[in-house]
Amino acid sequence: MEAKRRAGATGRKRKTTGAAKIRAGATTRSTADGNLEQAIQKAVRGGGTVSIGLVNLVKNTLVTAISGARDVGGEMGAAAVTAVRGSISAASEIGADLGAVARYTIMGTIEAAEQIGGELGGVARSATRDAVKTTRDVGGDASRVAGQAIQGTAEAARRLGADVGALVQDAARGALEAADRIGSAAGRAVRATVTEAVSGTKALAGNQDGAAPKRRRRA
C-alpha cells in the first residue's frame, strides 16, 4: 500500500515537473518576443530607420531563448515564427519599413538556427511565410515584404557559406504558401515578386561556384 502511495506521488511529481517546464518555456519565449518588439521600437524611434544591427539583435535573442532546449528544431521553428510576427507587428505600430524589418529579422533567425543547430531550410520557409501573412494582416505591402524576405534569406546564406540557391527556394516556397492563403490580387502580386526576387538572387548563388561552402546547409 505504501509502495502504491509512493508511486502515485512520484507520478504526480513528474507531471507537475513537466507542466512547470512547459510553463517556463512559454514564459521564456514570451519574454524574448516582448524584448524583441521593444528593442525594434527603440531602434527605429532612436534612429528613424531599421539597420542591419537588427540581425544580431534577433539572432542573439533567439539563441538565448532556445539554448538548452530539448527539441531545438521544434523550438527554433516556433521562435522564428513568433519573432517575425512580433517584429513586423511592432514595426507596423510605429510606421517603420516593414520590408527592411522582414529582411533583417529573417537574416537573424536563419543565423540563429545555424548557430544552435537548427534546420535552416525549414526556418527560412516558415519565417518567410509568416512574414508575408503578418504583413497582410497589418495592412502592409505583402509583395514587397516577400521580396525582401527572399533577399534576406540569400544574404544570410551567403554570410554563413550555406547553399544560397537551396535556401532561397525554401523561402520562396514559404512566400507562395502565404500567397495561396491570401488569394486575390495581393496573392498574385506576391507570386510575381517572388519570381523576380528569386531571379535576382542568382548572382549571389553564382558567386559560390567553384568554392566549397564554409558551412553546410542542414538537411
Foldseek 3Di string as FASTA:
>chain_A
DVVVVVVVVVVVVVVVVVVVVVVVLVVLLVVLLVVLLVVLLCVCVVPVADDLVNLVSLLVSLLVSQPPPPCSQVSLQVSLLSNLLSQLVSCLVVVYDLQVSLLSSLLNSLVNCVVRVYQNLSSLQSNLLSSLLSCVVSPHQSQSNLLSSLVSQLVSCLVQLEQSLSSSVSNLNSQLVNLVVVDDPSSVSNNVSSVVSSVVSVVSNVVCPPPHGPDYRDD
